[in-house]
Protein backbone atom coordinates (compact mmCIF):
# COMPACT_ATOMS: atom_id res chain seq x y z
CA UNK A 1 -24.99 -16.43 20.37
CA UNK A 2 -24.36 -16.57 23.89
CA UNK A 3 -26.00 -13.24 25.58
CA UNK A 4 -23.98 -12.84 28.31
CA UNK A 5 -21.66 -10.79 26.01
CA UNK A 6 -23.14 -7.63 26.54
CA UNK A 7 -22.56 -5.81 23.35
CA UNK A 8 -25.37 -4.16 21.71
CA UNK A 9 -26.43 -5.91 18.54
CA UNK A 10 -26.57 -4.80 15.02
CA UNK A 11 -29.21 -6.31 12.82
CA UNK A 12 -28.15 -6.36 9.16
CA UNK A 13 -30.22 -6.65 5.95
CA UNK A 14 -29.97 -10.19 4.13
CA UNK A 15 -27.41 -8.27 1.58
CA UNK A 16 -25.38 -7.07 4.44
CA UNK A 17 -25.82 -10.89 5.70
CA UNK A 18 -24.47 -12.01 2.41
CA UNK A 19 -21.53 -10.13 2.42
CA UNK A 20 -20.44 -11.08 5.91
CA UNK A 21 -21.16 -14.75 5.50
CA UNK A 22 -19.10 -14.36 2.39
CA UNK A 23 -15.90 -13.21 3.97
CA UNK A 24 -16.29 -9.75 3.64
CA UNK A 25 -15.80 -8.06 6.96
CA UNK A 26 -17.61 -4.76 6.44
CA UNK A 27 -20.98 -3.67 7.44
CA UNK A 28 -22.32 -0.43 5.25
CA UNK A 29 -24.71 1.98 6.81
CA UNK A 30 -27.27 0.79 4.29
CA UNK A 31 -27.08 -2.41 5.41
CA UNK A 32 -27.83 -1.96 8.92
CA UNK A 33 -31.67 -2.53 10.02
CA UNK A 34 -31.48 -1.67 13.70
CA UNK A 35 -29.23 -1.60 16.40
CA UNK A 36 -30.20 -2.56 19.76
CA UNK A 37 -28.69 -2.26 23.29
CA UNK A 38 -26.02 0.52 24.52
CA UNK A 39 -23.05 1.28 22.60
CA UNK A 40 -20.03 3.66 22.32
CA UNK A 41 -19.10 5.30 19.09
CA UNK A 42 -15.99 3.33 18.07
CA UNK A 43 -16.65 0.31 20.51
CA UNK A 44 -17.64 -3.33 19.96
CA UNK A 45 -21.16 -4.53 18.78
CA UNK A 46 -22.25 -7.88 17.75
CA UNK A 47 -23.93 -8.15 14.45
CA UNK A 48 -26.71 -10.76 13.60
CA UNK A 49 -28.94 -11.49 10.82
CA UNK A 50 -32.76 -10.85 10.46
CA UNK A 51 -33.04 -14.25 12.60
CA UNK A 52 -30.66 -13.25 15.00
CA UNK A 53 -27.66 -15.72 14.07
CA UNK A 54 -24.44 -14.46 15.01
CA UNK A 55 -22.18 -13.19 12.28
CA UNK A 56 -19.51 -11.30 13.78
CA UNK A 57 -18.09 -8.84 16.41
CA UNK A 58 -16.69 -5.61 15.51
CA UNK A 59 -16.38 -1.56 15.65
CA UNK A 60 -19.20 0.51 15.13
CA UNK A 61 -18.54 4.17 13.51
CA UNK A 62 -21.57 6.37 13.45
CA UNK A 63 -20.05 8.81 10.93
CA UNK A 64 -18.37 6.58 8.36
CA UNK A 65 -20.44 4.66 5.55
CA UNK A 66 -18.54 1.46 6.61
CA UNK A 67 -20.49 1.17 9.68
CA UNK A 68 -19.41 -1.58 11.48
CA UNK A 69 -15.76 -3.54 10.68
CA UNK A 70 -15.44 -7.03 11.98
CA UNK A 71 -12.35 -7.86 14.45
CA UNK A 72 -13.90 -11.49 14.91
CA UNK A 73 -16.57 -14.15 13.90
CA UNK A 74 -15.87 -16.46 17.10
CA UNK A 75 -18.56 -15.68 19.84
CA UNK A 76 -16.37 -17.14 22.44
CA UNK A 77 -13.63 -14.50 21.54
CA UNK A 78 -12.69 -12.39 24.56
CA UNK A 79 -11.35 -9.05 23.52
CA UNK A 80 -8.51 -8.18 26.03
CA UNK A 81 -4.76 -7.38 25.67
CA UNK A 82 -4.16 -11.14 25.31
CA UNK A 83 -6.27 -10.93 22.04
CA UNK A 84 -4.32 -8.29 20.71
CA UNK A 85 -0.96 -9.61 21.62
CA UNK A 86 -1.79 -12.92 19.85
CA UNK A 87 -3.04 -10.90 16.67
CA UNK A 88 0.04 -8.88 17.01
CA UNK A 89 2.22 -12.26 17.18
CA UNK A 90 0.46 -13.91 14.36
CA UNK A 91 1.21 -10.76 11.80
CA UNK A 92 4.63 -10.81 12.84
CA UNK A 93 5.35 -14.57 12.21
CA UNK A 94 3.76 -14.09 9.29
CA UNK A 95 6.16 -11.66 7.77
CA UNK A 96 9.18 -13.47 9.24
CA UNK A 97 8.13 -16.74 7.38
CA UNK A 98 7.18 -14.64 3.95
CA UNK A 99 9.78 -12.29 3.80
CA UNK A 100 12.84 -14.12 5.62
CA UNK A 101 15.88 -11.37 5.54
CA UNK A 102 14.39 -8.72 4.38
CA UNK A 103 11.98 -7.70 7.53
CA UNK A 104 14.21 -4.76 8.18
CA UNK A 105 11.86 -2.93 5.94
CA UNK A 106 8.26 -4.46 5.65
CA UNK A 107 4.56 -3.94 6.46
CA UNK A 108 3.87 -5.58 9.68
CA UNK A 109 -0.17 -5.02 10.00
CA UNK A 110 -2.09 -4.33 6.59
CA UNK A 111 -5.30 -3.30 7.99
CA UNK A 112 -8.24 -6.08 7.23
CA UNK A 113 -5.70 -8.49 5.59
CA UNK A 114 -4.38 -8.97 9.53
CA UNK A 115 -7.69 -8.33 11.21
CA UNK A 116 -7.14 -4.84 12.27
CA UNK A 117 -9.38 -2.79 10.48
CA UNK A 118 -8.37 0.61 9.62
CA UNK A 119 -4.47 0.11 11.05
CA UNK A 120 -1.56 0.19 8.67
CA UNK A 121 1.92 -0.66 10.47
CA UNK A 122 5.39 -0.46 8.45
CA UNK A 123 8.84 -0.94 9.37
CA UNK A 124 11.67 1.22 8.44
CA UNK A 125 14.35 -0.46 10.07
CA UNK A 126 14.31 0.93 13.57
CA UNK A 127 11.16 2.93 13.09
CA UNK A 128 7.49 1.72 13.10
CA UNK A 129 5.22 4.06 11.35
CA UNK A 130 1.32 3.85 11.89
CA UNK A 131 -1.60 5.39 10.10
CA UNK A 132 -4.70 4.92 12.00
CA UNK A 133 -7.89 5.38 9.96
CA UNK A 134 -10.73 3.83 11.95
CA UNK A 135 -12.11 5.00 15.20
CA UNK A 136 -12.36 1.64 16.82
CA UNK A 137 -8.47 1.32 16.09
CA UNK A 138 -7.87 4.63 17.39
CA UNK A 139 -9.45 4.18 20.70
CA UNK A 140 -7.39 0.88 21.33
CA UNK A 141 -3.81 2.47 20.37
CA UNK A 142 -2.87 2.58 24.10
CA UNK A 143 -3.50 -1.39 24.19
CA UNK A 144 -2.14 -2.22 20.61
CA UNK A 145 0.98 0.04 20.28
CA UNK A 146 3.11 -0.72 23.26
CA UNK A 147 1.85 -4.37 22.50
CA UNK A 148 3.70 -4.04 19.00
CA UNK A 149 6.82 -2.42 20.39
CA UNK A 150 6.80 -5.41 23.28
CA UNK A 151 6.54 -8.22 20.61
CA UNK A 152 9.17 -6.81 18.20
CA UNK A 153 11.92 -5.74 20.96
CA UNK A 154 11.48 -9.35 22.67
CA UNK A 155 12.20 -11.20 19.25
CA UNK A 156 15.49 -8.92 19.04
CA UNK A 157 14.37 -6.20 16.85
CA UNK A 158 15.70 -2.63 17.67
CA UNK A 159 12.78 0.01 17.53
CA UNK A 160 13.61 3.34 18.17
CA UNK A 161 10.23 4.33 18.26
CA UNK A 162 6.77 4.72 16.74
CA UNK A 163 5.97 7.48 14.58
CA UNK A 164 1.94 8.37 13.82
CA UNK A 165 1.20 9.14 10.22
CA UNK A 166 -2.46 10.51 10.42
CA UNK A 167 -2.22 13.40 8.27
CA UNK A 168 -4.86 11.89 5.75
CA UNK A 169 -8.53 13.06 5.22
CA UNK A 170 -9.86 9.65 5.38
CA UNK A 171 -9.75 10.19 8.99
CA UNK A 172 -12.25 12.88 8.99
CA UNK A 173 -14.88 10.38 7.60
CA UNK A 174 -14.87 8.85 11.35
CA UNK A 175 -14.70 11.90 13.25
CA UNK A 176 -11.08 11.80 13.79
CA UNK A 177 -8.36 14.73 13.48
CA UNK A 178 -5.54 14.91 11.25
CA UNK A 179 -2.22 14.87 13.13
CA UNK A 180 1.29 13.26 12.86
CA UNK A 181 4.24 12.72 15.49
CA UNK A 182 5.86 10.40 17.99
CA UNK A 183 3.46 8.28 20.13
CA UNK A 184 4.68 7.97 23.62
CA UNK A 185 5.73 4.65 24.98
CA UNK A 186 6.35 4.44 28.81
CA UNK A 187 9.89 3.61 29.41
CA UNK A 188 11.40 4.47 25.73
CA UNK A 189 13.60 7.35 25.19
CA UNK A 190 12.82 10.27 23.25
CA UNK A 191 13.31 8.65 19.36
CA UNK A 192 14.95 12.05 17.90
CA UNK A 193 15.06 12.68 14.24
CA UNK A 194 12.17 10.93 12.63
CA UNK A 195 15.00 9.83 9.58
CA UNK A 196 16.21 6.46 9.18
CA UNK A 197 18.24 4.50 7.21
CA UNK A 198 16.60 1.54 5.29
CA UNK A 199 18.71 -0.97 2.65
CA UNK A 200 16.29 -2.69 0.32
CA UNK A 201 17.51 -5.00 -2.78
CA UNK A 202 20.98 -3.85 -1.53
CA UNK A 203 20.34 -0.27 -1.90
CA UNK A 204 20.48 2.31 0.68
CA UNK A 205 18.02 5.04 1.19
CA UNK A 206 17.15 7.56 3.82
CA UNK A 207 13.50 7.07 4.87
CA UNK A 208 12.09 10.48 6.25
CA UNK A 209 9.06 8.99 7.97
CA UNK A 210 7.61 12.68 9.06
CA UNK A 211 7.50 14.03 5.36
CA UNK A 212 7.80 11.32 2.70
CA UNK A 213 4.61 10.04 1.01
CA UNK A 214 1.99 7.88 2.97
CA UNK A 215 4.35 6.32 5.56
CA UNK A 216 7.88 7.74 4.11
CA UNK A 217 8.53 4.77 1.72
CA UNK A 218 6.85 2.53 -0.86
CA UNK A 219 7.39 -1.03 0.51
CA UNK A 220 4.69 -2.93 -1.63
CA UNK A 221 7.07 -2.73 -4.80
CA UNK A 222 10.20 -4.56 -3.47
CA UNK A 223 10.16 -7.66 -5.36
CA UNK A 224 8.71 -5.72 -8.40
CA UNK A 225 12.21 -3.57 -8.31
CA UNK A 226 14.13 -7.05 -8.56
CA UNK A 227 11.86 -8.07 -11.47
CA UNK A 228 12.99 -4.88 -13.24
CA UNK A 229 16.94 -5.01 -12.54
CA UNK A 230 16.86 -8.45 -13.83
CA UNK A 231 15.84 -6.87 -17.16
CA UNK A 232 18.13 -3.77 -16.97
CA UNK A 233 21.53 -5.04 -17.93
CA UNK A 234 23.02 -3.21 -20.82
CA UNK A 235 19.64 -1.32 -21.06
CA UNK A 236 18.93 2.91 -21.65
CA UNK A 237 15.99 3.15 -19.00
CA UNK A 238 13.42 5.67 -18.55
CA UNK A 239 11.68 5.55 -15.02
CA UNK A 240 8.70 7.99 -14.92
CA UNK A 241 6.95 8.86 -11.64
CA UNK A 242 10.30 8.15 -9.92
CA UNK A 243 9.47 9.30 -6.23
CA UNK A 244 12.69 8.27 -4.60
CA UNK A 245 14.16 6.86 -7.65
CA UNK A 246 13.79 3.35 -6.57
CA UNK A 247 13.03 1.80 -9.41
CA UNK A 248 15.48 3.90 -11.39
CA UNK A 249 18.51 2.58 -8.70
CA UNK A 250 17.56 -0.83 -9.08
CA UNK A 251 17.74 -0.78 -12.74
CA UNK A 252 21.14 1.13 -12.46
CA UNK A 253 22.32 -1.85 -9.59
CA UNK A 254 21.11 -4.20 -12.33
CA UNK A 255 23.67 -3.06 -14.85
CA UNK A 256 21.47 -0.36 -17.25
CA UNK A 257 23.79 1.33 -19.07
CA UNK A 258 22.23 4.67 -18.37
CA UNK A 259 18.85 5.76 -16.48
CA UNK A 260 16.85 8.95 -16.65
CA UNK A 261 14.71 8.94 -13.36
CA UNK A 262 11.42 11.62 -14.13
CA UNK A 263 9.26 13.18 -11.63
CA UNK A 264 6.89 16.30 -11.46
CA UNK A 265 7.50 16.89 -7.90
CA UNK A 266 10.84 18.99 -7.55
CA UNK A 267 11.11 17.72 -3.82
CA UNK A 268 10.78 14.20 -5.30
CA UNK A 269 13.59 14.65 -7.53
CA UNK A 270 15.93 16.19 -5.16
CA UNK A 271 15.21 12.99 -2.92
CA UNK A 272 16.11 10.74 -5.61
CA UNK A 273 19.20 12.69 -6.49
CA UNK A 274 20.45 12.28 -2.96
CA UNK A 275 19.50 8.48 -3.53
CA UNK A 276 21.37 8.11 -6.20
CA UNK A 277 24.54 10.11 -4.60
CA UNK A 278 24.21 7.52 -1.43
CA UNK A 279 24.50 4.88 -3.71
CA UNK A 280 27.38 5.83 -5.87
CA UNK A 281 25.39 5.84 -8.96
CA UNK A 282 25.92 9.81 -10.41
CA UNK A 283 27.56 8.58 -13.24
CA UNK A 284 24.26 6.07 -14.50
CA UNK A 285 21.25 7.91 -13.31
CA UNK A 286 19.85 11.43 -14.35
CA UNK A 287 17.04 12.79 -12.32
CA UNK A 288 14.95 15.34 -14.30
CA UNK A 289 11.75 17.25 -13.06
CA UNK A 290 9.23 16.99 -15.80
CA UNK A 291 5.41 16.02 -16.21
CA UNK A 292 5.47 12.63 -17.79
CA UNK A 293 2.15 13.49 -19.46
CA UNK A 294 4.04 16.17 -21.34
CA UNK A 295 7.81 13.99 -21.75
CA UNK A 296 6.53 11.27 -23.47
CA UNK A 297 5.20 12.77 -26.64
CA UNK A 298 7.89 15.35 -26.51
CA UNK A 299 10.06 12.54 -26.75
CA UNK A 300 8.00 10.65 -29.44
CA UNK A 301 8.21 14.09 -31.66
CA UNK A 302 11.81 14.02 -31.33
CA UNK A 303 12.05 10.65 -33.11
CA UNK A 304 14.20 7.98 -32.74
CA UNK A 305 14.38 5.38 -29.81
CA UNK A 306 16.07 7.28 -27.10
CA UNK A 307 15.11 4.14 -24.23
CA UNK A 308 14.81 0.42 -24.45
CA UNK A 309 13.32 -0.05 -21.20
CA UNK A 310 10.46 2.14 -19.85
CA UNK A 311 9.36 1.98 -16.53
CA UNK A 312 5.52 3.64 -15.34
CA UNK A 313 4.59 3.59 -11.78
CA UNK A 314 2.33 6.53 -11.62
CA UNK A 315 0.45 7.57 -8.56
CA UNK A 316 -3.10 5.97 -8.09
CA UNK A 317 -5.23 7.88 -10.71
CA UNK A 318 -8.21 7.20 -9.05
CA UNK A 319 -9.37 6.77 -5.32
CA UNK A 320 -13.19 6.23 -5.95
CA UNK A 321 -15.17 4.16 -8.50
CA UNK A 322 -16.65 7.70 -9.87
CA UNK A 323 -13.04 8.48 -11.29
CA UNK A 324 -11.87 5.15 -12.78
CA UNK A 325 -13.06 6.20 -16.42
CA UNK A 326 -10.61 9.17 -16.15
CA UNK A 327 -8.16 7.18 -14.96
CA UNK A 328 -8.41 4.49 -17.26
CA UNK A 329 -7.75 7.58 -19.87
CA UNK A 330 -4.83 8.55 -18.04
CA UNK A 331 -3.24 5.27 -17.74
CA UNK A 332 -4.19 4.56 -21.20
CA UNK A 333 -2.26 7.94 -22.54
CA UNK A 334 1.27 6.88 -20.82
CA UNK A 335 0.79 3.60 -21.65
CA UNK A 336 0.35 4.41 -25.54
CA UNK A 337 3.25 7.05 -25.60
CA UNK A 338 5.63 4.36 -23.94
CA UNK A 339 4.41 1.67 -26.08
CA UNK A 340 5.10 4.34 -29.42
CA UNK A 341 8.67 5.45 -28.11
CA UNK A 342 9.96 1.78 -27.37
CA UNK A 343 11.64 0.06 -30.09
CA UNK A 344 10.61 -3.32 -31.32
CA UNK A 345 12.18 -5.72 -28.73
CA UNK A 346 12.29 -3.00 -25.80
CA UNK A 347 10.85 -3.45 -22.28
CA UNK A 348 7.75 -1.90 -20.58
CA UNK A 349 7.17 -2.26 -16.82
CA UNK A 350 4.00 -0.64 -15.97
CA UNK A 351 1.42 -0.65 -13.13
CA UNK A 352 -1.34 0.93 -11.23
CA UNK A 353 -1.65 0.69 -7.46
CA UNK A 354 -5.43 1.65 -7.06
CA UNK A 355 -8.00 -1.20 -6.14
CA UNK A 356 -10.82 0.67 -8.44
CA UNK A 357 -8.74 0.17 -11.15
CA UNK A 358 -9.15 -3.48 -11.50
CA UNK A 359 -7.24 -5.92 -12.79
CA UNK A 360 -9.32 -6.81 -15.65
CA UNK A 361 -10.06 -3.37 -16.35
CA UNK A 362 -6.24 -2.57 -16.97
CA UNK A 363 -5.76 -5.45 -18.89
CA UNK A 364 -8.37 -4.17 -21.34
CA UNK A 365 -6.81 -0.68 -21.38
CA UNK A 366 -3.00 -2.25 -22.07
CA UNK A 367 -4.54 -4.36 -24.85
CA UNK A 368 -6.31 -1.14 -26.37
CA UNK A 369 -3.03 0.78 -26.28
CA UNK A 370 -0.95 -1.62 -27.51
CA UNK A 371 -3.49 -1.62 -30.73
CA UNK A 372 -3.45 2.14 -30.96
CA UNK A 373 0.17 1.43 -30.89
CA UNK A 374 0.38 -0.79 -33.54
CA UNK A 375 2.41 -3.32 -31.21
CA UNK A 376 1.99 -6.17 -29.68
CA UNK A 377 3.01 -7.48 -26.25
CA UNK A 378 4.86 -10.41 -24.89
CA UNK A 379 4.11 -10.89 -21.27
CA UNK A 380 7.26 -11.49 -19.49
CA UNK A 381 5.76 -11.50 -16.01
CA UNK A 382 2.27 -10.69 -14.13
CA UNK A 383 2.94 -9.72 -10.54
CA UNK A 384 1.37 -7.88 -7.47
CA UNK A 385 2.04 -6.27 -4.26
CA UNK A 386 4.87 -8.04 -1.90
CA UNK A 387 3.92 -10.89 0.43
CA UNK A 388 3.81 -8.33 3.61
CA UNK A 389 0.73 -6.82 1.84
CA UNK A 390 -1.42 -10.43 1.91
CA UNK A 391 -4.11 -10.27 -0.12
CA UNK A 392 -7.53 -11.86 1.09
CA UNK A 393 -9.57 -13.19 -1.69
CA UNK A 394 -12.83 -12.17 0.14
CA UNK A 395 -11.95 -8.86 0.66
CA UNK A 396 -11.05 -6.88 -2.78
CA UNK A 397 -9.99 -3.91 -1.25
CA UNK A 398 -6.51 -5.81 -0.10
CA UNK A 399 -5.88 -6.46 -3.93
CA UNK A 400 -4.67 -3.37 -5.51
CA UNK A 401 -1.47 -3.57 -7.07
CA UNK A 402 -0.94 -4.63 -10.72
CA UNK A 403 2.72 -5.12 -12.13
CA UNK A 404 3.38 -6.16 -15.86
CA UNK A 405 6.54 -6.58 -17.67
CA UNK A 406 6.31 -7.05 -21.38
CA UNK A 407 8.46 -6.83 -24.29
CA UNK A 408 7.34 -4.92 -27.34
CA UNK A 409 7.23 -6.71 -30.60
């Protein structure tokens, strides 16, 4: 390793070294042996093995359990504006390649998967929405955000502004405050209202980036919604945990006879109704405010099979390993009830968006639910998140969305 770099050196344990050489970009606080040299909280440090071998360079965060997040494994890299511009251009070129005409609504930067640790950037038509969860990225916003705007506008994309959705508790672990609002870009006019229109899979949505969940709209299920639409023709569909009504609308557009969209949130149901109206599907889709955990057993108790296609797209039931067991019980309950409610030959779409609920465990849960419900599952498709949310095989945290389509037989 070149000694003239001038960064403090973080020496890690053998366990930390194995993780880094295996491709993972994080150093946990318990893997730090020592820190030599001056550094700034949120600044860059070099990470070395116990024998002094260079392992990478990353942001150090004094308050986080993830003590260092690597951004490079090349000792010759110079971390100037040109470095970050190359990273942005690479991320944008990747999205253009894998998303084709769907780049009007896509995730442009997916944190560690794009070597921007702790940074998410979503595009909704003419708005970029960011979420910054690491101190290192927070410090670099004055460099990265103008570059992001310039790279896209120079490529002919019309971008009205950048809206920050930093109203998440995870920022507190980095010593950052929660906030949301427009990021000031020099020379860019006032973006106006933080609402835009997005067309996805031929369906029009109003996206409120200030008040919507996460960054305003869930982009990762884009092609899974199309998979549902392909099966929906002529069917009676129940879309559980509908949120903005996206699966329901795709099913309706796919030719469903009727769709019932359910969410426990009254505000979500109001938004879903507005999206139904916006797409002229009032005669096909009904939106209902109800708790799915109460609704499914109540429908079963009434008898019969009112639906022959059920979609289960719940929020993450677990956000830590400590609550995975409880989450598994929740997933099993709704899947068991749906399997019992469906007729033989009916269809089930089911998913989990928590990376803590690993695929192997999710599959075990589905097998158990099917056994208890007295049915067999004929798998049609096993899918994951859209490719604008790329999965790094050495970083399991990037592999989070499980999506299965079954016929119940």
